[in-house]
mmCIF file of all heavy atoms, coordinates in Angstrom:
data_MODEL
# 
_entry.id   MODEL 
# 
loop_
_atom_site.group_PDB 
_atom_site.id 
_atom_site.type_symbol 
_atom_site.label_atom_id 
_atom_site.label_alt_id 
_atom_site.label_comp_id 
_atom_site.label_asym_id 
_atom_site.label_entity_id 
_atom_site.label_seq_id 
_atom_site.pdbx_PDB_ins_code 
_atom_site.Cartn_x 
_atom_site.Cartn_y 
_atom_site.Cartn_z 
_atom_site.occupancy 
_atom_site.B_iso_or_equiv 
_atom_site.pdbx_formal_charge 
_atom_site.auth_seq_id 
_atom_site.auth_comp_id 
_atom_site.auth_asym_id 
_atom_site.auth_atom_id 
_atom_site.pdbx_PDB_model_num 
ATOM 1   N N   . LYS A 1 1  ? 10.334 -22.402 13.917 1.00 0.00 ? 1  LYS A N   1 
ATOM 2   C CA  . LYS A 1 1  ? 9.916  -23.621 13.057 1.00 0.00 ? 1  LYS A CA  1 
ATOM 3   C C   . LYS A 1 1  ? 9.393  -24.725 13.955 1.00 0.00 ? 1  LYS A C   1 
ATOM 4   O O   . LYS A 1 1  ? 8.290  -25.286 13.622 1.00 0.00 ? 1  LYS A O   1 
ATOM 5   C CB  . LYS A 1 1  ? 11.056 -24.096 12.208 1.00 0.00 ? 1  LYS A CB  1 
ATOM 6   C CG  . LYS A 1 1  ? 10.839 -25.308 11.442 1.00 0.00 ? 1  LYS A CG  1 
ATOM 7   C CD  . LYS A 1 1  ? 12.019 -25.776 10.619 1.00 0.00 ? 1  LYS A CD  1 
ATOM 8   C CE  . LYS A 1 1  ? 11.867 -27.154 10.047 1.00 0.00 ? 1  LYS A CE  1 
ATOM 9   N NZ  . LYS A 1 1  ? 11.958 -28.243 11.088 1.00 0.00 ? 1  LYS A NZ  1 
ATOM 10  N N   . ASP A 1 2  ? 10.127 -25.096 14.987 1.00 0.00 ? 2  ASP A N   1 
ATOM 11  C CA  . ASP A 1 2  ? 9.780  -26.361 15.731 1.00 0.00 ? 2  ASP A CA  1 
ATOM 12  C C   . ASP A 1 2  ? 8.904  -26.085 16.982 1.00 0.00 ? 2  ASP A C   1 
ATOM 13  O O   . ASP A 1 2  ? 8.429  -27.078 17.517 1.00 0.00 ? 2  ASP A O   1 
ATOM 14  C CB  . ASP A 1 2  ? 11.057 -27.073 16.147 1.00 0.00 ? 2  ASP A CB  1 
ATOM 15  C CG  . ASP A 1 2  ? 11.792 -27.643 14.985 1.00 0.00 ? 2  ASP A CG  1 
ATOM 16  O OD1 . ASP A 1 2  ? 11.154 -27.828 13.937 1.00 0.00 ? 2  ASP A OD1 1 
ATOM 17  O OD2 . ASP A 1 2  ? 13.008 -27.904 15.044 1.00 0.00 ? 2  ASP A OD2 1 
ATOM 18  N N   . MET A 1 3  ? 8.757  -24.820 17.393 1.00 0.00 ? 3  MET A N   1 
ATOM 19  C CA  . MET A 1 3  ? 8.039  -24.567 18.647 1.00 0.00 ? 3  MET A CA  1 
ATOM 20  C C   . MET A 1 3  ? 6.815  -23.717 18.459 1.00 0.00 ? 3  MET A C   1 
ATOM 21  O O   . MET A 1 3  ? 5.639  -24.230 18.510 1.00 0.00 ? 3  MET A O   1 
ATOM 22  C CB  . MET A 1 3  ? 8.954  -24.020 19.692 1.00 0.00 ? 3  MET A CB  1 
ATOM 23  C CG  . MET A 1 3  ? 8.342  -23.961 21.060 1.00 0.00 ? 3  MET A CG  1 
ATOM 24  S SD  . MET A 1 3  ? 8.035  -25.599 21.728 1.00 0.00 ? 3  MET A SD  1 
ATOM 25  C CE  . MET A 1 3  ? 7.400  -25.212 23.297 1.00 0.00 ? 3  MET A CE  1 
ATOM 26  N N   . THR A 1 4  ? 6.994  -22.492 18.169 1.00 0.00 ? 4  THR A N   1 
ATOM 27  C CA  . THR A 1 4  ? 5.857  -21.556 18.049 1.00 0.00 ? 4  THR A CA  1 
ATOM 28  C C   . THR A 1 4  ? 5.072  -21.721 16.706 1.00 0.00 ? 4  THR A C   1 
ATOM 29  O O   . THR A 1 4  ? 3.855  -21.533 16.696 1.00 0.00 ? 4  THR A O   1 
ATOM 30  C CB  . THR A 1 4  ? 6.221  -20.048 18.268 1.00 0.00 ? 4  THR A CB  1 
ATOM 31  O OG1 . THR A 1 4  ? 7.020  -19.659 17.121 1.00 0.00 ? 4  THR A OG1 1 
ATOM 32  C CG2 . THR A 1 4  ? 7.012  -19.926 19.558 1.00 0.00 ? 4  THR A CG2 1 
ATOM 33  N N   . GLY A 1 5  ? 5.860  -21.963 15.677 1.00 0.00 ? 5  GLY A N   1 
ATOM 34  C CA  . GLY A 1 5  ? 5.220  -22.038 14.352 1.00 0.00 ? 5  GLY A CA  1 
ATOM 35  C C   . GLY A 1 5  ? 4.727  -20.646 13.882 1.00 0.00 ? 5  GLY A C   1 
ATOM 36  O O   . GLY A 1 5  ? 3.970  -20.621 12.884 1.00 0.00 ? 5  GLY A O   1 
ATOM 37  N N   . ALA A 1 6  ? 5.177  -19.631 14.508 1.00 0.00 ? 6  ALA A N   1 
ATOM 38  C CA  . ALA A 1 6  ? 4.644  -18.315 14.225 1.00 0.00 ? 6  ALA A CA  1 
ATOM 39  C C   . ALA A 1 6  ? 5.390  -17.628 13.043 1.00 0.00 ? 6  ALA A C   1 
ATOM 40  O O   . ALA A 1 6  ? 6.019  -16.628 13.107 1.00 0.00 ? 6  ALA A O   1 
ATOM 41  C CB  . ALA A 1 6  ? 4.857  -17.438 15.470 1.00 0.00 ? 6  ALA A CB  1 
ATOM 42  N N   . VAL A 1 7  ? 5.282  -18.280 11.845 1.00 0.00 ? 7  VAL A N   1 
ATOM 43  C CA  . VAL A 1 7  ? 5.927  -17.869 10.616 1.00 0.00 ? 7  VAL A CA  1 
ATOM 44  C C   . VAL A 1 7  ? 5.127  -16.794 9.962  1.00 0.00 ? 7  VAL A C   1 
ATOM 45  O O   . VAL A 1 7  ? 3.893  -16.751 10.024 1.00 0.00 ? 7  VAL A O   1 
ATOM 46  C CB  . VAL A 1 7  ? 6.187  -19.029 9.729  1.00 0.00 ? 7  VAL A CB  1 
ATOM 47  C CG1 . VAL A 1 7  ? 7.163  -20.041 10.326 1.00 0.00 ? 7  VAL A CG1 1 
ATOM 48  C CG2 . VAL A 1 7  ? 4.924  -19.692 9.209  1.00 0.00 ? 7  VAL A CG2 1 
ATOM 49  N N   . MET A 1 8  ? 5.810  -15.887 9.247  1.00 0.00 ? 8  MET A N   1 
ATOM 50  C CA  . MET A 1 8  ? 5.160  -14.843 8.493  1.00 0.00 ? 8  MET A CA  1 
ATOM 51  C C   . MET A 1 8  ? 4.614  -15.362 7.178  1.00 0.00 ? 8  MET A C   1 
ATOM 52  O O   . MET A 1 8  ? 5.242  -16.147 6.467  1.00 0.00 ? 8  MET A O   1 
ATOM 53  C CB  . MET A 1 8  ? 6.177  -13.682 8.259  1.00 0.00 ? 8  MET A CB  1 
ATOM 54  C CG  . MET A 1 8  ? 5.581  -12.575 7.427  1.00 0.00 ? 8  MET A CG  1 
ATOM 55  S SD  . MET A 1 8  ? 6.790  -11.221 7.146  1.00 0.00 ? 8  MET A SD  1 
ATOM 56  C CE  . MET A 1 8  ? 6.916  -10.493 8.778  1.00 0.00 ? 8  MET A CE  1 
ATOM 57  N N   . ASP A 1 9  ? 3.407  -14.898 6.830  1.00 0.00 ? 9  ASP A N   1 
ATOM 58  C CA  . ASP A 1 9  ? 2.841  -15.234 5.548  1.00 0.00 ? 9  ASP A CA  1 
ATOM 59  C C   . ASP A 1 9  ? 3.470  -14.444 4.484  1.00 0.00 ? 9  ASP A C   1 
ATOM 60  O O   . ASP A 1 9  ? 3.858  -13.275 4.583  1.00 0.00 ? 9  ASP A O   1 
ATOM 61  C CB  . ASP A 1 9  ? 1.365  -14.878 5.577  1.00 0.00 ? 9  ASP A CB  1 
ATOM 62  C CG  . ASP A 1 9  ? 0.648  -15.135 4.260  1.00 0.00 ? 9  ASP A CG  1 
ATOM 63  O OD1 . ASP A 1 9  ? 0.310  -16.322 4.042  1.00 0.00 ? 9  ASP A OD1 1 
ATOM 64  O OD2 . ASP A 1 9  ? 0.390  -14.172 3.514  1.00 0.00 ? 9  ASP A OD2 1 
ATOM 65  N N   . PRO A 1 10 ? 3.734  -15.043 3.257  1.00 0.00 ? 10 PRO A N   1 
ATOM 66  C CA  . PRO A 1 10 ? 4.433  -14.358 2.175  1.00 0.00 ? 10 PRO A CA  1 
ATOM 67  C C   . PRO A 1 10 ? 3.762  -13.053 1.713  1.00 0.00 ? 10 PRO A C   1 
ATOM 68  O O   . PRO A 1 10 ? 4.366  -12.093 1.377  1.00 0.00 ? 10 PRO A O   1 
ATOM 69  C CB  . PRO A 1 10 ? 4.433  -15.365 1.034  1.00 0.00 ? 10 PRO A CB  1 
ATOM 70  C CG  . PRO A 1 10 ? 4.394  -16.677 1.733  1.00 0.00 ? 10 PRO A CG  1 
ATOM 71  C CD  . PRO A 1 10 ? 3.534  -16.421 2.951  1.00 0.00 ? 10 PRO A CD  1 
ATOM 72  N N   . PHE A 1 11 ? 2.363  -13.000 1.697  1.00 0.00 ? 11 PHE A N   1 
ATOM 73  C CA  . PHE A 1 11 ? 1.677  -11.810 1.315  1.00 0.00 ? 11 PHE A CA  1 
ATOM 74  C C   . PHE A 1 11 ? 1.931  -10.723 2.283  1.00 0.00 ? 11 PHE A C   1 
ATOM 75  O O   . PHE A 1 11 ? 2.069  -9.528  1.917  1.00 0.00 ? 11 PHE A O   1 
ATOM 76  C CB  . PHE A 1 11 ? 0.169  -12.105 1.092  1.00 0.00 ? 11 PHE A CB  1 
ATOM 77  C CG  . PHE A 1 11 ? -0.591 -10.980 0.627  1.00 0.00 ? 11 PHE A CG  1 
ATOM 78  C CD1 . PHE A 1 11 ? -0.321 -10.355 -0.605 1.00 0.00 ? 11 PHE A CD1 1 
ATOM 79  C CD2 . PHE A 1 11 ? -1.590 -10.371 1.374  1.00 0.00 ? 11 PHE A CD2 1 
ATOM 80  C CE1 . PHE A 1 11 ? -0.978 -9.318  -1.090 1.00 0.00 ? 11 PHE A CE1 1 
ATOM 81  C CE2 . PHE A 1 11 ? -2.278 -9.254  0.919  1.00 0.00 ? 11 PHE A CE2 1 
ATOM 82  C CZ  . PHE A 1 11 ? -2.013 -8.761  -0.305 1.00 0.00 ? 11 PHE A CZ  1 
ATOM 83  N N   . CYS A 1 12 ? 2.026  -11.065 3.524  1.00 0.00 ? 12 CYS A N   1 
ATOM 84  C CA  . CYS A 1 12 ? 2.309  -10.042 4.627  1.00 0.00 ? 12 CYS A CA  1 
ATOM 85  C C   . CYS A 1 12 ? 3.708  -9.499  4.394  1.00 0.00 ? 12 CYS A C   1 
ATOM 86  O O   . CYS A 1 12 ? 3.928  -8.288  4.469  1.00 0.00 ? 12 CYS A O   1 
ATOM 87  C CB  . CYS A 1 12 ? 2.201  -10.783 5.982  1.00 0.00 ? 12 CYS A CB  1 
ATOM 88  S SG  . CYS A 1 12 ? 2.657  -9.763  7.358  1.00 0.00 ? 12 CYS A SG  1 
ATOM 89  N N   . ALA A 1 13 ? 4.662  -10.331 4.094  1.00 0.00 ? 13 ALA A N   1 
ATOM 90  C CA  . ALA A 1 13 ? 6.019  -9.907  3.796  1.00 0.00 ? 13 ALA A CA  1 
ATOM 91  C C   . ALA A 1 13 ? 6.001  -8.930  2.650  1.00 0.00 ? 13 ALA A C   1 
ATOM 92  O O   . ALA A 1 13 ? 6.715  -7.919  2.677  1.00 0.00 ? 13 ALA A O   1 
ATOM 93  C CB  . ALA A 1 13 ? 6.854  -11.055 3.555  1.00 0.00 ? 13 ALA A CB  1 
ATOM 94  N N   . PHE A 1 14 ? 5.249  -9.257  1.599  1.00 0.00 ? 14 PHE A N   1 
ATOM 95  C CA  . PHE A 1 14 ? 5.160  -8.384  0.393  1.00 0.00 ? 14 PHE A CA  1 
ATOM 96  C C   . PHE A 1 14 ? 4.615  -6.986  0.736  1.00 0.00 ? 14 PHE A C   1 
ATOM 97  O O   . PHE A 1 14 ? 5.134  -5.924  0.373  1.00 0.00 ? 14 PHE A O   1 
ATOM 98  C CB  . PHE A 1 14 ? 4.234  -9.027  -0.655 1.00 0.00 ? 14 PHE A CB  1 
ATOM 99  C CG  . PHE A 1 14 ? 3.837  -8.100  -1.772 1.00 0.00 ? 14 PHE A CG  1 
ATOM 100 C CD1 . PHE A 1 14 ? 4.728  -7.873  -2.797 1.00 0.00 ? 14 PHE A CD1 1 
ATOM 101 C CD2 . PHE A 1 14 ? 2.591  -7.489  -1.735 1.00 0.00 ? 14 PHE A CD2 1 
ATOM 102 C CE1 . PHE A 1 14 ? 4.322  -6.997  -3.853 1.00 0.00 ? 14 PHE A CE1 1 
ATOM 103 C CE2 . PHE A 1 14 ? 2.268  -6.641  -2.791 1.00 0.00 ? 14 PHE A CE2 1 
ATOM 104 C CZ  . PHE A 1 14 ? 3.078  -6.400  -3.846 1.00 0.00 ? 14 PHE A CZ  1 
ATOM 105 N N   . LEU A 1 15 ? 3.593  -6.948  1.626  1.00 0.00 ? 15 LEU A N   1 
ATOM 106 C CA  . LEU A 1 15 ? 3.010  -5.679  2.017  1.00 0.00 ? 15 LEU A CA  1 
ATOM 107 C C   . LEU A 1 15 ? 3.953  -4.838  2.780  1.00 0.00 ? 15 LEU A C   1 
ATOM 108 O O   . LEU A 1 15 ? 4.072  -3.632  2.628  1.00 0.00 ? 15 LEU A O   1 
ATOM 109 C CB  . LEU A 1 15 ? 1.677  -5.919  2.770  1.00 0.00 ? 15 LEU A CB  1 
ATOM 110 C CG  . LEU A 1 15 ? 0.508  -6.429  2.087  1.00 0.00 ? 15 LEU A CG  1 
ATOM 111 C CD1 . LEU A 1 15 ? -0.670 -6.726  3.052  1.00 0.00 ? 15 LEU A CD1 1 
ATOM 112 C CD2 . LEU A 1 15 ? 0.074  -5.370  1.013  1.00 0.00 ? 15 LEU A CD2 1 
ATOM 113 N N   . ILE A 1 16 ? 4.723  -5.440  3.720  1.00 0.00 ? 16 ILE A N   1 
ATOM 114 C CA  . ILE A 1 16 ? 5.746  -4.714  4.517  1.00 0.00 ? 16 ILE A CA  1 
ATOM 115 C C   . ILE A 1 16 ? 6.871  -4.258  3.640  1.00 0.00 ? 16 ILE A C   1 
ATOM 116 O O   . ILE A 1 16 ? 7.378  -3.093  3.782  1.00 0.00 ? 16 ILE A O   1 
ATOM 117 C CB  . ILE A 1 16 ? 6.199  -5.502  5.654  1.00 0.00 ? 16 ILE A CB  1 
ATOM 118 C CG1 . ILE A 1 16 ? 5.069  -6.048  6.551  1.00 0.00 ? 16 ILE A CG1 1 
ATOM 119 C CG2 . ILE A 1 16 ? 7.067  -4.685  6.591  1.00 0.00 ? 16 ILE A CG2 1 
ATOM 120 C CD1 . ILE A 1 16 ? 5.469  -7.023  7.625  1.00 0.00 ? 16 ILE A CD1 1 
ATOM 121 N N   . LEU A 1 17 ? 7.320  -5.074  2.717  1.00 0.00 ? 17 LEU A N   1 
ATOM 122 C CA  . LEU A 1 17 ? 8.365  -4.636  1.791  1.00 0.00 ? 17 LEU A CA  1 
ATOM 123 C C   . LEU A 1 17 ? 7.891  -3.396  1.025  1.00 0.00 ? 17 LEU A C   1 
ATOM 124 O O   . LEU A 1 17 ? 8.750  -2.468  0.830  1.00 0.00 ? 17 LEU A O   1 
ATOM 125 C CB  . LEU A 1 17 ? 8.693  -5.763  0.808  1.00 0.00 ? 17 LEU A CB  1 
ATOM 126 C CG  . LEU A 1 17 ? 9.556  -6.896  1.301  1.00 0.00 ? 17 LEU A CG  1 
ATOM 127 C CD1 . LEU A 1 17 ? 9.540  -8.065  0.315  1.00 0.00 ? 17 LEU A CD1 1 
ATOM 128 C CD2 . LEU A 1 17 ? 10.959 -6.445  1.538  1.00 0.00 ? 17 LEU A CD2 1 
ATOM 129 N N   . ARG A 1 18 ? 6.692  -3.337  0.653  1.00 0.00 ? 18 ARG A N   1 
ATOM 130 C CA  . ARG A 1 18 ? 6.179  -2.134  -0.016 1.00 0.00 ? 18 ARG A CA  1 
ATOM 131 C C   . ARG A 1 18 ? 6.127  -0.905  0.937  1.00 0.00 ? 18 ARG A C   1 
ATOM 132 O O   . ARG A 1 18 ? 6.530  0.174   0.587  1.00 0.00 ? 18 ARG A O   1 
ATOM 133 C CB  . ARG A 1 18 ? 4.744  -2.428  -0.587 1.00 0.00 ? 18 ARG A CB  1 
ATOM 134 C CG  . ARG A 1 18 ? 4.225  -1.284  -1.380 1.00 0.00 ? 18 ARG A CG  1 
ATOM 135 C CD  . ARG A 1 18 ? 2.915  -1.664  -2.095 1.00 0.00 ? 18 ARG A CD  1 
ATOM 136 N NE  . ARG A 1 18 ? 1.841  -1.933  -1.054 1.00 0.00 ? 18 ARG A NE  1 
ATOM 137 C CZ  . ARG A 1 18 ? 0.554  -2.100  -1.396 1.00 0.00 ? 18 ARG A CZ  1 
ATOM 138 N NH1 . ARG A 1 18 ? 0.206  -2.054  -2.631 1.00 0.00 ? 18 ARG A NH1 1 
ATOM 139 N NH2 . ARG A 1 18 ? -0.317 -2.332  -0.464 1.00 0.00 ? 18 ARG A NH2 1 
ATOM 140 N N   . GLY A 1 19 ? 5.644  -1.169  2.182  1.00 0.00 ? 19 GLY A N   1 
ATOM 141 C CA  . GLY A 1 19 ? 5.616  -0.110  3.141  1.00 0.00 ? 19 GLY A CA  1 
ATOM 142 C C   . GLY A 1 19 ? 6.965  0.446   3.538  1.00 0.00 ? 19 GLY A C   1 
ATOM 143 O O   . GLY A 1 19 ? 7.119  1.682   3.760  1.00 0.00 ? 19 GLY A O   1 
ATOM 144 N N   . LEU A 1 20 ? 7.949  -0.388  3.579  1.00 0.00 ? 20 LEU A N   1 
ATOM 145 C CA  . LEU A 1 20 ? 9.251  -0.010  4.007  1.00 0.00 ? 20 LEU A CA  1 
ATOM 146 C C   . LEU A 1 20 ? 9.924  1.003   3.080  1.00 0.00 ? 20 LEU A C   1 
ATOM 147 O O   . LEU A 1 20 ? 10.760 1.773   3.562  1.00 0.00 ? 20 LEU A O   1 
ATOM 148 C CB  . LEU A 1 20 ? 10.197 -1.181  4.164  1.00 0.00 ? 20 LEU A CB  1 
ATOM 149 C CG  . LEU A 1 20 ? 10.042 -2.001  5.455  1.00 0.00 ? 20 LEU A CG  1 
ATOM 150 C CD1 . LEU A 1 20 ? 10.811 -3.369  5.364  1.00 0.00 ? 20 LEU A CD1 1 
ATOM 151 C CD2 . LEU A 1 20 ? 10.502 -1.160  6.652  1.00 0.00 ? 20 LEU A CD2 1 
ATOM 152 N N   . LYS A 1 21 ? 9.492  1.047   1.797  1.00 0.00 ? 21 LYS A N   1 
ATOM 153 C CA  . LYS A 1 21 ? 10.148 1.917   0.883  1.00 0.00 ? 21 LYS A CA  1 
ATOM 154 C C   . LYS A 1 21 ? 9.901  3.424   1.266  1.00 0.00 ? 21 LYS A C   1 
ATOM 155 O O   . LYS A 1 21 ? 10.664 4.264   0.873  1.00 0.00 ? 21 LYS A O   1 
ATOM 156 C CB  . LYS A 1 21 ? 9.639  1.661   -0.603 1.00 0.00 ? 21 LYS A CB  1 
ATOM 157 C CG  . LYS A 1 21 ? 10.120 0.342   -1.128 1.00 0.00 ? 21 LYS A CG  1 
ATOM 158 C CD  . LYS A 1 21 ? 9.528  0.101   -2.519 1.00 0.00 ? 21 LYS A CD  1 
ATOM 159 C CE  . LYS A 1 21 ? 9.874  -1.287  -3.044 1.00 0.00 ? 21 LYS A CE  1 
ATOM 160 N NZ  . LYS A 1 21 ? 11.277 -1.382  -3.348 1.00 0.00 ? 21 LYS A NZ  1 
ATOM 161 N N   . THR A 1 22 ? 8.846  3.690   1.999  1.00 0.00 ? 22 THR A N   1 
ATOM 162 C CA  . THR A 1 22 ? 8.570  5.048   2.474  1.00 0.00 ? 22 THR A CA  1 
ATOM 163 C C   . THR A 1 22 ? 8.826  5.274   3.923  1.00 0.00 ? 22 THR A C   1 
ATOM 164 O O   . THR A 1 22 ? 8.406  6.319   4.486  1.00 0.00 ? 22 THR A O   1 
ATOM 165 C CB  . THR A 1 22 ? 7.110  5.386   2.130  1.00 0.00 ? 22 THR A CB  1 
ATOM 166 O OG1 . THR A 1 22 ? 6.184  4.503   2.851  1.00 0.00 ? 22 THR A OG1 1 
ATOM 167 C CG2 . THR A 1 22 ? 6.794  5.307   0.626  1.00 0.00 ? 22 THR A CG2 1 
ATOM 168 N N   . LEU A 1 23 ? 9.457  4.358   4.605  1.00 0.00 ? 23 LEU A N   1 
ATOM 169 C CA  . LEU A 1 23 ? 9.663  4.427   6.068  1.00 0.00 ? 23 LEU A CA  1 
ATOM 170 C C   . LEU A 1 23 ? 10.334 5.722   6.466  1.00 0.00 ? 23 LEU A C   1 
ATOM 171 O O   . LEU A 1 23 ? 9.861  6.438   7.370  1.00 0.00 ? 23 LEU A O   1 
ATOM 172 C CB  . LEU A 1 23 ? 10.473 3.222   6.600  1.00 0.00 ? 23 LEU A CB  1 
ATOM 173 C CG  . LEU A 1 23 ? 10.788 3.277   8.071  1.00 0.00 ? 23 LEU A CG  1 
ATOM 174 C CD1 . LEU A 1 23 ? 9.527  3.265   8.944  1.00 0.00 ? 23 LEU A CD1 1 
ATOM 175 C CD2 . LEU A 1 23 ? 11.742 2.125   8.432  1.00 0.00 ? 23 LEU A CD2 1 
ATOM 176 N N   . GLU A 1 24 ? 11.467 6.046   5.851  1.00 0.00 ? 24 GLU A N   1 
ATOM 177 C CA  . GLU A 1 24 ? 12.224 7.271   6.231  1.00 0.00 ? 24 GLU A CA  1 
ATOM 178 C C   . GLU A 1 24 ? 11.345 8.517   6.015  1.00 0.00 ? 24 GLU A C   1 
ATOM 179 O O   . GLU A 1 24 ? 11.381 9.428   6.901  1.00 0.00 ? 24 GLU A O   1 
ATOM 180 C CB  . GLU A 1 24 ? 13.487 7.333   5.459  1.00 0.00 ? 24 GLU A CB  1 
ATOM 181 C CG  . GLU A 1 24 ? 14.488 8.300   5.957  1.00 0.00 ? 24 GLU A CG  1 
ATOM 182 C CD  . GLU A 1 24 ? 14.311 9.719   5.385  1.00 0.00 ? 24 GLU A CD  1 
ATOM 183 O OE1 . GLU A 1 24 ? 13.701 9.833   4.313  1.00 0.00 ? 24 GLU A OE1 1 
ATOM 184 O OE2 . GLU A 1 24 ? 14.827 10.656  6.015  1.00 0.00 ? 24 GLU A OE2 1 
# 
């Protein structure tokens, strides 16, 4: 938060949540 500011975008999080369902 205070140094890099390298936060994840919410749409990116949504896409990975979808991808994770088929990870195994």
